[in-house]
Amino acid sequence: MIKTMFFIILFMVSNYNVATDILFSNEREFEQKARRERERILSSDKVKRKIRRIVIDPGHGGFDPGAVNKSMGLYEKHITLKFALKLKRFIEENSDIEVFLTRTGDYYVTLSDRTVIANQYHADLFLSIHCNSHEKKSAHGFESFFCSKKPSDKEAARVAALENAPGFDDPFFKEDNSIDIEAILRNLQRHMFLKGSRMLAASINESIKRKVKLRERGVKSANFFVLRHAQMPAVLVEAAFISNPQEGKLLQDEKFQNTVVKAIGGKLVGNK
């Protein structure tokens, strides 16, 4: 709370007009202004973003198995950790980028703590790895997501509900009729990295599409708890459907894992 208040005071002193907008203007108008300012900064020739540090998040873990294919004995938490460890090794062997994981074993890390870890490491990118699942075993393919207030479509809403299932353990309570400063700051933060997250998701999808013979389901957005507090471009990748028998086999296959890792890792290293 002290850190938040310090940020607010600093923000108000450095830019009175923006601070006034935060406190008194319509939230939609403020978000539009924040988006325009972010785009103006990013369009400047002086801005050249170099990737020095990446945090990779293996989805689920511990008592939270994620999606499960009982007939094949597959648990999402195990598959995502394998992908994350391989991806970390690939990036480190092919660049001087530092890579950190939100977990390195089979234990649970809260959804909010995952982005806290990325923020504490001052990461330039945050990537959360998952496996998709559907009641229809025929559902197949891969897709990438970035965080948005509202889902881009029904499928994005379904996936977000699935990944948010463990619960968001960072509730915020405010008094009636009070100004929700933290909510406004979260919206500003999300919009600051919206364009970068969207572009990162699209580039990862395109890279996987060129190397893996799976259906490309597109780039979508929804309110993923694990992404919402990231202070950097953040993307969630659903590698394949663990509920699909064919893709379930692929997810266990070392060759397939390495191909996906090279597709994602090659893109991240190339962004350096």
C-alpha atoms as a PDB file:
ATOM      1  CA  MET A   1       0.000   0.000   0.000  1.00  0.00           C
ATOM      2  CA  ILE A   2       2.864   2.387   0.837  1.00  0.00           C
ATOM      3  CA  LYS A   3       4.491   1.609  -2.507  1.00  0.00           C
ATOM      4  CA  THR A   4       1.228   2.284  -4.311  1.00  0.00           C
ATOM      5  CA  MET A   5       0.730   5.628  -2.560  1.00  0.00           C
ATOM      6  CA  PHE A   6       4.330   6.622  -3.316  1.00  0.00           C
ATOM      7  CA  PHE A   7       3.760   5.857  -6.988  1.00  0.00           C
ATOM      8  CA  ILE A   8       0.569   7.902  -7.012  1.00  0.00           C
ATOM      9  CA  ILE A   9       2.254  10.914  -5.350  1.00  0.00           C
ATOM     10  CA  LEU A  10       5.226  10.704  -7.697  1.00  0.00           C
ATOM     11  CA  PHE A  11       2.910  10.383 -10.660  1.00  0.00           C
ATOM     12  CA  MET A  12       0.890  13.429  -9.559  1.00  0.00           C
ATOM     13  CA  VAL A  13       3.952  15.582  -8.995  1.00  0.00           C
ATOM     14  CA  SER A  14       5.538  14.664 -12.321  1.00  0.00           C
ATOM     15  CA  ASN A  15       2.414  15.151 -14.370  1.00  0.00           C
ATOM     16  CA  TYR A  16      -0.434  17.055 -12.740  1.00  0.00           C
ATOM     17  CA  ASN A  17      -2.741  16.824 -15.734  1.00  0.00           C
ATOM     18  CA  VAL A  18      -2.473  13.044 -16.022  1.00  0.00           C
ATOM     19  CA  ALA A  19      -2.927  12.666 -12.261  1.00  0.00           C
ATOM     20  CA  THR A  20      -6.061  14.789 -12.461  1.00  0.00           C
ATOM     21  CA  ASP A  21      -7.346  12.520 -15.191  1.00  0.00           C
ATOM     22  CA  ILE A  22      -6.711   9.495 -12.979  1.00  0.00           C
ATOM     23  CA  LEU A  23      -8.730  10.941 -10.143  1.00  0.00           C
ATOM     24  CA  PHE A  24     -11.572  12.732 -11.866  1.00  0.00           C
ATOM     25  CA  SER A  25     -12.062  11.862 -15.543  1.00  0.00           C
ATOM     26  CA  ASN A  26     -14.198   9.198 -17.094  1.00  0.00           C
ATOM     27  CA  GLU A  27     -12.352   5.861 -16.989  1.00  0.00           C
ATOM     28  CA  ARG A  28     -12.903   5.209 -20.689  1.00  0.00           C
ATOM     29  CA  GLU A  29     -11.480   8.602 -21.634  1.00  0.00           C
ATOM     30  CA  PHE A  30      -8.468   8.001 -19.404  1.00  0.00           C
ATOM     31  CA  GLU A  31      -7.820   4.594 -20.954  1.00  0.00           C
ATOM     32  CA  GLN A  32      -7.983   6.128 -24.431  1.00  0.00           C
ATOM     33  CA  LYS A  33      -5.479   8.811 -23.446  1.00  0.00           C
ATOM     34  CA  ALA A  34      -3.154   6.203 -21.920  1.00  0.00           C
ATOM     35  CA  ARG A  35      -3.339   4.110 -25.096  1.00  0.00           C
ATOM     36  CA  ARG A  36      -2.565   7.091 -27.343  1.00  0.00           C
ATOM     37  CA  GLU A  37       0.384   8.124 -25.168  1.00  0.00           C
ATOM     38  CA  ARG A  38       1.772   4.590 -25.169  1.00  0.00           C
ATOM     39  CA  GLU A  39       1.492   4.358 -28.974  1.00  0.00           C
ATOM     40  CA  ARG A  40       3.181   7.765 -29.320  1.00  0.00           C
ATOM     41  CA  ILE A  41       6.112   6.595 -27.202  1.00  0.00           C
ATOM     42  CA  LEU A  42       6.423   3.269 -29.014  1.00  0.00           C
ATOM     43  CA  SER A  43       6.368   4.966 -32.415  1.00  0.00           C
ATOM     44  CA  SER A  44       9.382   7.098 -31.492  1.00  0.00           C
ATOM     45  CA  ASP A  45      12.591   6.178 -33.322  1.00  0.00           C
ATOM     46  CA  LYS A  46      14.442   6.688 -30.050  1.00  0.00           C
ATOM     47  CA  VAL A  47      12.726   3.723 -28.435  1.00  0.00           C
ATOM     48  CA  LYS A  48      14.567   0.463 -29.063  1.00  0.00           C
ATOM     49  CA  ARG A  49      13.573  -2.315 -26.720  1.00  0.00           C
ATOM     50  CA  LYS A  50      16.251  -4.887 -26.023  1.00  0.00           C
ATOM     51  CA  ILE A  51      15.223  -8.123 -24.357  1.00  0.00           C
ATOM     52  CA  ARG A  52      17.573  -8.920 -21.493  1.00  0.00           C
ATOM     53  CA  ARG A  53      15.379 -10.982 -19.179  1.00  0.00           C
ATOM     54  CA  ILE A  54      12.421 -13.344 -19.681  1.00  0.00           C
ATOM     55  CA  VAL A  55      10.227 -15.074 -17.104  1.00  0.00           C
ATOM     56  CA  ILE A  56       8.587 -18.323 -18.195  1.00  0.00           C
ATOM     57  CA  ASP A  57       5.593 -19.625 -16.293  1.00  0.00           C
ATOM     58  CA  PRO A  58       4.821 -23.374 -16.417  1.00  0.00           C
ATOM     59  CA  GLY A  59       1.067 -23.377 -15.840  1.00  0.00           C
ATOM     60  CA  HIS A  60      -0.488 -25.006 -12.743  1.00  0.00           C
ATOM     61  CA  GLY A  61       1.515 -27.275 -10.396  1.00  0.00           C
ATOM     62  CA  GLY A  62       1.204 -29.014  -7.037  1.00  0.00           C
ATOM     63  CA  PHE A  63      -2.388 -29.601  -5.977  1.00  0.00           C
ATOM     64  CA  ASP A  64      -3.538 -27.879  -9.183  1.00  0.00           C
ATOM     65  CA  PRO A  65      -3.005 -30.423 -11.995  1.00  0.00           C
ATOM     66  CA  GLY A  66      -4.500 -28.247 -14.700  1.00  0.00           C
ATOM     67  CA  ALA A  67      -6.223 -30.121 -17.511  1.00  0.00           C
ATOM     68  CA  VAL A  68      -6.134 -33.903 -17.167  1.00  0.00           C
ATOM     69  CA  ASN A  69      -6.465 -36.694 -19.711  1.00  0.00           C
ATOM     70  CA  LYS A  70      -7.195 -39.623 -17.404  1.00  0.00           C
ATOM     71  CA  SER A  71      -7.244 -42.276 -20.112  1.00  0.00           C
ATOM     72  CA  MET A  72      -3.715 -41.328 -21.164  1.00  0.00           C
ATOM     73  CA  GLY A  73      -2.432 -40.451 -17.697  1.00  0.00           C
ATOM     74  CA  LEU A  74      -1.563 -36.914 -18.759  1.00  0.00           C
ATOM     75  CA  TYR A  75      -1.428 -33.917 -16.444  1.00  0.00           C
ATOM     76  CA  GLU A  76      -1.039 -30.417 -17.779  1.00  0.00           C
ATOM     77  CA  LYS A  77       1.212 -29.390 -14.866  1.00  0.00           C
ATOM     78  CA  HIS A  78       3.836 -31.975 -15.876  1.00  0.00           C
ATOM     79  CA  ILE A  79       3.793 -31.131 -19.577  1.00  0.00           C
ATOM     80  CA  THR A  80       4.050 -27.373 -19.047  1.00  0.00           C
ATOM     81  CA  LEU A  81       7.068 -27.814 -16.770  1.00  0.00           C
ATOM     82  CA  LYS A  82       8.845 -29.925 -19.405  1.00  0.00           C
ATOM     83  CA  PHE A  83       8.195 -27.274 -22.048  1.00  0.00           C
ATOM     84  CA  ALA A  84       9.367 -24.487 -19.738  1.00  0.00           C
ATOM     85  CA  LEU A  85      12.617 -26.219 -18.785  1.00  0.00           C
ATOM     86  CA  LYS A  86      13.392 -26.982 -22.426  1.00  0.00           C
ATOM     87  CA  LEU A  87      12.569 -23.430 -23.489  1.00  0.00           C
ATOM     88  CA  LYS A  88      14.769 -21.972 -20.748  1.00  0.00           C
ATOM     89  CA  ARG A  89      17.685 -24.132 -21.850  1.00  0.00           C
ATOM     90  CA  PHE A  90      17.191 -23.251 -25.533  1.00  0.00           C
ATOM     91  CA  ILE A  91      17.123 -19.499 -24.937  1.00  0.00           C
ATOM     92  CA  GLU A  92      20.151 -19.569 -22.643  1.00  0.00           C
ATOM     93  CA  GLU A  93      22.153 -21.670 -25.099  1.00  0.00           C
ATOM     94  CA  ASN A  94      21.339 -19.408 -28.031  1.00  0.00           C
ATOM     95  CA  SER A  95      21.568 -15.949 -26.467  1.00  0.00           C
ATOM     96  CA  ASP A  96      22.754 -13.992 -23.462  1.00  0.00           C
ATOM     97  CA  ILE A  97      19.171 -13.439 -22.289  1.00  0.00           C
ATOM     98  CA  GLU A  98      18.546 -14.303 -18.644  1.00  0.00           C
ATOM     99  CA  VAL A  99      15.648 -16.716 -18.125  1.00  0.00           C
ATOM    100  CA  PHE A 100      13.764 -17.400 -14.896  1.00  0.00           C
ATOM    101  CA  LEU A 101      10.909 -19.794 -14.134  1.00  0.00           C
ATOM    102  CA  THR A 102       7.982 -19.174 -11.808  1.00  0.00           C
ATOM    103  CA  ARG A 103       8.359 -22.779 -10.631  1.00  0.00           C
ATOM    104  CA  THR A 104      11.019 -25.430 -11.170  1.00  0.00           C
ATOM    105  CA  GLY A 105       9.184 -28.407  -9.660  1.00  0.00           C
ATOM    106  CA  ASP A 106       5.769 -29.836  -8.938  1.00  0.00           C
ATOM    107  CA  TYR A 107       4.463 -27.251  -6.476  1.00  0.00           C
ATOM    108  CA  TYR A 108       1.778 -24.612  -6.585  1.00  0.00           C
ATOM    109  CA  VAL A 109       2.400 -20.918  -7.143  1.00  0.00           C
ATOM    110  CA  THR A 110      -0.587 -18.602  -6.875  1.00  0.00           C
ATOM    111  CA  LEU A 111      -1.726 -16.882 -10.051  1.00  0.00           C
ATOM    112  CA  SER A 112      -0.980 -13.444  -8.641  1.00  0.00           C
ATOM    113  CA  ASP A 113       2.490 -14.466  -7.435  1.00  0.00           C
ATOM    114  CA  ARG A 114       3.507 -15.558 -10.925  1.00  0.00           C
ATOM    115  CA  THR A 115       3.418 -12.039 -12.300  1.00  0.00           C
ATOM    116  CA  VAL A 116       4.848 -10.716  -9.012  1.00  0.00           C
ATOM    117  CA  ILE A 117       7.879 -12.893  -9.736  1.00  0.00           C
ATOM    118  CA  ALA A 118       8.149 -11.484 -13.275  1.00  0.00           C
ATOM    119  CA  ASN A 119       7.835  -7.931 -11.971  1.00  0.00           C
ATOM    120  CA  GLN A 120      10.452  -8.495  -9.263  1.00  0.00           C
ATOM    121  CA  TYR A 121      12.901  -9.798 -11.849  1.00  0.00           C
ATOM    122  CA  HIS A 122      12.149  -6.721 -13.996  1.00  0.00           C
ATOM    123  CA  ALA A 123      11.487  -9.050 -16.896  1.00  0.00           C
ATOM    124  CA  ASP A 124      11.118  -7.688 -20.415  1.00  0.00           C
ATOM    125  CA  LEU A 125       8.715 -10.481 -21.386  1.00  0.00           C
ATOM    126  CA  PHE A 126       6.422 -12.874 -19.514  1.00  0.00           C
ATOM    127  CA  LEU A 127       5.328 -16.147 -21.129  1.00  0.00           C
ATOM    128  CA  SER A 128       2.854 -18.544 -19.519  1.00  0.00           C
ATOM    129  CA  ILE A 129       2.761 -22.042 -21.054  1.00  0.00           C
ATOM    130  CA  HIS A 130      -0.372 -24.204 -20.987  1.00  0.00           C
ATOM    131  CA  CYS A 131      -2.179 -27.099 -22.660  1.00  0.00           C
ATOM    132  CA  ASN A 132      -5.742 -26.632 -23.838  1.00  0.00           C
ATOM    133  CA  SER A 133      -8.664 -28.918 -23.059  1.00  0.00           C
ATOM    134  CA  HIS A 134     -12.234 -29.326 -24.263  1.00  0.00           C
ATOM    135  CA  GLU A 135     -15.184 -31.597 -23.568  1.00  0.00           C
ATOM    136  CA  LYS A 136     -15.158 -32.416 -27.284  1.00  0.00           C
ATOM    137  CA  LYS A 137     -12.161 -34.635 -27.893  1.00  0.00           C
ATOM    138  CA  SER A 138     -12.094 -33.532 -31.526  1.00  0.00           C
ATOM    139  CA  ALA A 139     -11.045 -29.987 -30.546  1.00  0.00           C
ATOM    140  CA  HIS A 140      -7.475 -29.419 -31.718  1.00  0.00           C
ATOM    141  CA  GLY A 141      -4.784 -26.859 -32.463  1.00  0.00           C
ATOM    142  CA  PHE A 142      -2.734 -24.199 -30.729  1.00  0.00           C
ATOM    143  CA  GLU A 143      -3.425 -20.556 -29.888  1.00  0.00           C
ATOM    144  CA  SER A 144      -1.990 -17.596 -28.031  1.00  0.00           C
ATOM    145  CA  PHE A 145      -3.627 -15.062 -25.741  1.00  0.00           C
ATOM    146  CA  PHE A 146      -2.952 -11.670 -24.250  1.00  0.00           C
ATOM    147  CA  CYS A 147      -4.809  -9.982 -21.410  1.00  0.00           C
ATOM    148  CA  SER A 148      -7.856  -7.796 -21.983  1.00  0.00           C
ATOM    149  CA  LYS A 149     -10.718  -6.612 -19.830  1.00  0.00           C
ATOM    150  CA  LYS A 150     -13.288  -8.445 -21.957  1.00  0.00           C
ATOM    151  CA  PRO A 151     -12.856 -11.670 -23.955  1.00  0.00           C
ATOM    152  CA  SER A 152     -12.428 -11.400 -27.716  1.00  0.00           C
ATOM    153  CA  ASP A 153     -14.933 -14.231 -28.242  1.00  0.00           C
ATOM    154  CA  LYS A 154     -16.732 -17.087 -26.473  1.00  0.00           C
ATOM    155  CA  GLU A 155     -13.820 -19.459 -26.935  1.00  0.00           C
ATOM    156  CA  ALA A 156     -11.426 -16.991 -25.317  1.00  0.00           C
ATOM    157  CA  ALA A 157     -13.840 -16.636 -22.399  1.00  0.00           C
ATOM    158  CA  ARG A 158     -13.980 -20.440 -22.049  1.00  0.00           C
ATOM    159  CA  VAL A 159     -10.199 -20.809 -21.997  1.00  0.00           C
ATOM    160  CA  ALA A 160      -9.789 -17.970 -19.502  1.00  0.00           C
ATOM    161  CA  ALA A 161     -12.372 -19.558 -17.189  1.00  0.00           C
ATOM    162  CA  LEU A 162     -10.463 -22.839 -17.431  1.00  0.00           C
ATOM    163  CA  GLU A 163      -7.096 -21.284 -16.624  1.00  0.00           C
ATOM    164  CA  ASN A 164      -8.532 -19.014 -13.915  1.00  0.00           C
ATOM    165  CA  ALA A 165     -10.183 -21.968 -12.174  1.00  0.00           C
ATOM    166  CA  PRO A 166      -7.749 -22.096  -9.209  1.00  0.00           C
ATOM    167  CA  GLY A 167      -9.068 -18.664  -8.262  1.00  0.00           C
ATOM    168  CA  PHE A 168      -7.641 -15.180  -8.095  1.00  0.00           C
ATOM    169  CA  ASP A 169      -6.235 -14.848  -4.579  1.00  0.00           C
ATOM    170  CA  ASP A 170      -5.535 -11.130  -4.586  1.00  0.00           C
ATOM    171  CA  PRO A 171      -8.934  -9.519  -3.913  1.00  0.00           C
ATOM    172  CA  PHE A 172      -9.234  -5.782  -3.570  1.00  0.00           C
ATOM    173  CA  PHE A 173     -11.930  -4.206  -1.424  1.00  0.00           C
ATOM    174  CA  LYS A 174     -12.904  -0.558  -1.494  1.00  0.00           C
ATOM    175  CA  GLU A 175     -15.442   1.521   0.323  1.00  0.00           C
ATOM    176  CA  ASP A 176     -18.661   2.467  -1.426  1.00  0.00           C
ATOM    177  CA  ASN A 177     -18.459   5.640  -3.525  1.00  0.00           C
ATOM    178  CA  SER A 178     -14.668   5.712  -3.192  1.00  0.00           C
ATOM    179  CA  ILE A 179     -12.319   6.142  -6.145  1.00  0.00           C
ATOM    180  CA  ASP A 180     -10.751   2.829  -7.144  1.00  0.00           C
ATOM    181  CA  ILE A 181      -7.203   4.087  -7.709  1.00  0.00           C
ATOM    182  CA  GLU A 182      -5.690   0.614  -7.944  1.00  0.00           C
ATOM    183  CA  ALA A 183      -8.203  -0.438 -10.603  1.00  0.00           C
ATOM    184  CA  ILE A 184      -7.372   2.655 -12.667  1.00  0.00           C
ATOM    185  CA  LEU A 185      -3.651   1.986 -12.321  1.00  0.00           C
ATOM    186  CA  ARG A 186      -4.184  -1.626 -13.379  1.00  0.00           C
ATOM    187  CA  ASN A 187      -6.050  -0.467 -16.465  1.00  0.00           C
ATOM    188  CA  LEU A 188      -3.275   1.979 -17.294  1.00  0.00           C
ATOM    189  CA  GLN A 189      -0.688  -0.735 -16.797  1.00  0.00           C
ATOM    190  CA  ARG A 190      -2.590  -3.196 -18.994  1.00  0.00           C
ATOM    191  CA  HIS A 191      -2.958  -0.646 -21.807  1.00  0.00           C
ATOM    192  CA  MET A 192       0.707   0.314 -21.611  1.00  0.00           C
ATOM    193  CA  PHE A 193       1.713  -3.180 -22.710  1.00  0.00           C
ATOM    194  CA  LEU A 194      -1.370  -4.140 -24.728  1.00  0.00           C
ATOM    195  CA  LYS A 195       0.186  -3.499 -28.135  1.00  0.00           C
ATOM    196  CA  GLY A 196       3.417  -5.283 -27.227  1.00  0.00           C
ATOM    197  CA  SER A 197       1.518  -8.288 -25.863  1.00  0.00           C
ATOM    198  CA  ARG A 198      -0.661  -8.517 -28.956  1.00  0.00           C
ATOM    199  CA  MET A 199       2.348  -8.327 -31.265  1.00  0.00           C
ATOM    200  CA  LEU A 200       4.270 -10.916 -29.217  1.00  0.00           C
ATOM    201  CA  ALA A 201       1.315 -13.340 -29.285  1.00  0.00           C
ATOM    202  CA  ALA A 202       0.935 -12.920 -33.045  1.00  0.00           C
ATOM    203  CA  SER A 203       4.648 -13.471 -33.728  1.00  0.00           C
ATOM    204  CA  ILE A 204       4.764 -16.599 -31.540  1.00  0.00           C
ATOM    205  CA  ASN A 205       1.684 -18.000 -33.251  1.00  0.00           C
ATOM    206  CA  GLU A 206       3.151 -17.360 -36.682  1.00  0.00           C
ATOM    207  CA  SER A 207       6.424 -19.029 -35.725  1.00  0.00           C
ATOM    208  CA  ILE A 208       4.680 -22.144 -34.376  1.00  0.00           C
ATOM    209  CA  LYS A 209       2.472 -22.261 -37.464  1.00  0.00           C
ATOM    210  CA  ARG A 210       5.520 -22.466 -39.737  1.00  0.00           C
ATOM    211  CA  LYS A 211       7.094 -25.344 -37.801  1.00  0.00           C
ATOM    212  CA  VAL A 212       4.208 -27.432 -36.428  1.00  0.00           C
ATOM    213  CA  LYS A 213       1.509 -29.169 -38.456  1.00  0.00           C
ATOM    214  CA  LEU A 214      -1.372 -28.260 -36.170  1.00  0.00           C
ATOM    215  CA  ARG A 215      -4.388 -26.057 -36.636  1.00  0.00           C
ATOM    216  CA  GLU A 216      -3.627 -22.417 -35.880  1.00  0.00           C
ATOM    217  CA  ARG A 217      -6.592 -21.156 -33.857  1.00  0.00           C
ATOM    218  CA  GLY A 218      -5.522 -17.528 -33.863  1.00  0.00           C
ATOM    219  CA  VAL A 219      -4.581 -14.822 -31.385  1.00  0.00           C
ATOM    220  CA  LYS A 220      -7.253 -13.993 -28.816  1.00  0.00           C
ATOM    221  CA  SER A 221      -7.632 -12.059 -25.598  1.00  0.00           C
ATOM    222  CA  ALA A 222      -9.399 -12.409 -22.271  1.00  0.00           C
ATOM    223  CA  ASN A 223      -9.005 -11.477 -18.620  1.00  0.00           C
ATOM    224  CA  PHE A 224      -6.399 -14.036 -17.594  1.00  0.00           C
ATOM    225  CA  PHE A 225      -5.537 -13.612 -13.919  1.00  0.00           C
ATOM    226  CA  VAL A 226      -1.998 -14.837 -14.494  1.00  0.00           C
ATOM    227  CA  LEU A 227      -1.338 -12.014 -16.981  1.00  0.00           C
ATOM    228  CA  ARG A 228      -3.262  -9.073 -15.602  1.00  0.00           C
ATOM    229  CA  HIS A 229      -0.587  -7.581 -13.305  1.00  0.00           C
ATOM    230  CA  ALA A 230       2.409  -8.087 -15.584  1.00  0.00           C
ATOM    231  CA  GLN A 231       4.464  -4.916 -15.974  1.00  0.00           C
ATOM    232  CA  MET A 232       5.765  -6.019 -19.366  1.00  0.00           C
ATOM    233  CA  PRO A 233       4.359  -7.618 -22.556  1.00  0.00           C
ATOM    234  CA  ALA A 234       2.749 -10.877 -21.419  1.00  0.00           C
ATOM    235  CA  VAL A 235       1.395 -13.817 -23.389  1.00  0.00           C
ATOM    236  CA  LEU A 236      -0.243 -17.151 -22.599  1.00  0.00           C
ATOM    237  CA  VAL A 237       0.316 -19.990 -25.086  1.00  0.00           C
ATOM    238  CA  GLU A 238      -1.920 -23.053 -25.339  1.00  0.00           C
ATOM    239  CA  ALA A 239       0.433 -25.526 -27.041  1.00  0.00           C
ATOM    240  CA  ALA A 240      -2.151 -28.164 -28.002  1.00  0.00           C
ATOM    241  CA  PHE A 241      -5.224 -29.995 -26.660  1.00  0.00           C
ATOM    242  CA  ILE A 242      -4.403 -32.508 -23.955  1.00  0.00           C
ATOM    243  CA  SER A 243      -7.974 -33.795 -24.298  1.00  0.00           C
ATOM    244  CA  ASN A 244      -7.414 -34.742 -27.949  1.00  0.00           C
ATOM    245  CA  PRO A 245      -5.971 -38.297 -28.264  1.00  0.00           C
ATOM    246  CA  GLN A 246      -3.677 -37.415 -31.187  1.00  0.00           C
ATOM    247  CA  GLU A 247      -2.413 -34.192 -29.666  1.00  0.00           C
ATOM    248  CA  GLY A 248      -2.103 -35.856 -26.273  1.00  0.00           C
ATOM    249  CA  LYS A 249       0.441 -38.197 -27.855  1.00  0.00           C
ATOM    250  CA  LEU A 250       2.246 -35.268 -29.430  1.00  0.00           C
ATOM    251  CA  LEU A 251       2.514 -33.451 -26.125  1.00  0.00           C
ATOM    252  CA  GLN A 252       4.436 -36.442 -24.745  1.00  0.00           C
ATOM    253  CA  ASP A 253       6.686 -36.682 -27.792  1.00  0.00           C
ATOM    254  CA  GLU A 254      10.202 -35.278 -27.340  1.00  0.00           C
ATOM    255  CA  LYS A 255      10.474 -34.329 -31.005  1.00  0.00           C
ATOM    256  CA  PHE A 256       7.238 -32.352 -30.896  1.00  0.00           C
ATOM    257  CA  GLN A 257       8.258 -30.655 -27.660  1.00  0.00           C
ATOM    258  CA  ASN A 258      11.604 -29.642 -29.140  1.00  0.00           C
ATOM    259  CA  THR A 259       9.954 -28.322 -32.307  1.00  0.00           C
ATOM    260  CA  VAL A 260       7.551 -26.112 -30.347  1.00  0.00           C
ATOM    261  CA  VAL A 261      10.383 -24.939 -28.100  1.00  0.00           C
ATOM    262  CA  LYS A 262      12.507 -23.983 -31.112  1.00  0.00           C
ATOM    263  CA  ALA A 263       9.559 -22.158 -32.675  1.00  0.00           C
ATOM    264  CA  ILE A 264       8.903 -20.085 -29.552  1.00  0.00           C
ATOM    265  CA  GLY A 265      12.511 -19.769 -28.448  1.00  0.00           C
ATOM    266  CA  GLY A 266      13.728 -18.826 -31.899  1.00  0.00           C
ATOM    267  CA  LYS A 267      11.227 -15.994 -32.027  1.00  0.00           C
ATOM    268  CA  LEU A 268      12.181 -14.731 -28.569  1.00  0.00           C
ATOM    269  CA  VAL A 269      15.896 -14.898 -29.303  1.00  0.00           C
ATOM    270  CA  GLY A 270      15.272 -13.169 -32.615  1.00  0.00           C
ATOM    271  CA  ASN A 271      13.525 -10.325 -30.772  1.00  0.00           C
ATOM    272  CA  LYS A 272      16.671  -9.609 -28.788  1.00  0.00           C
END
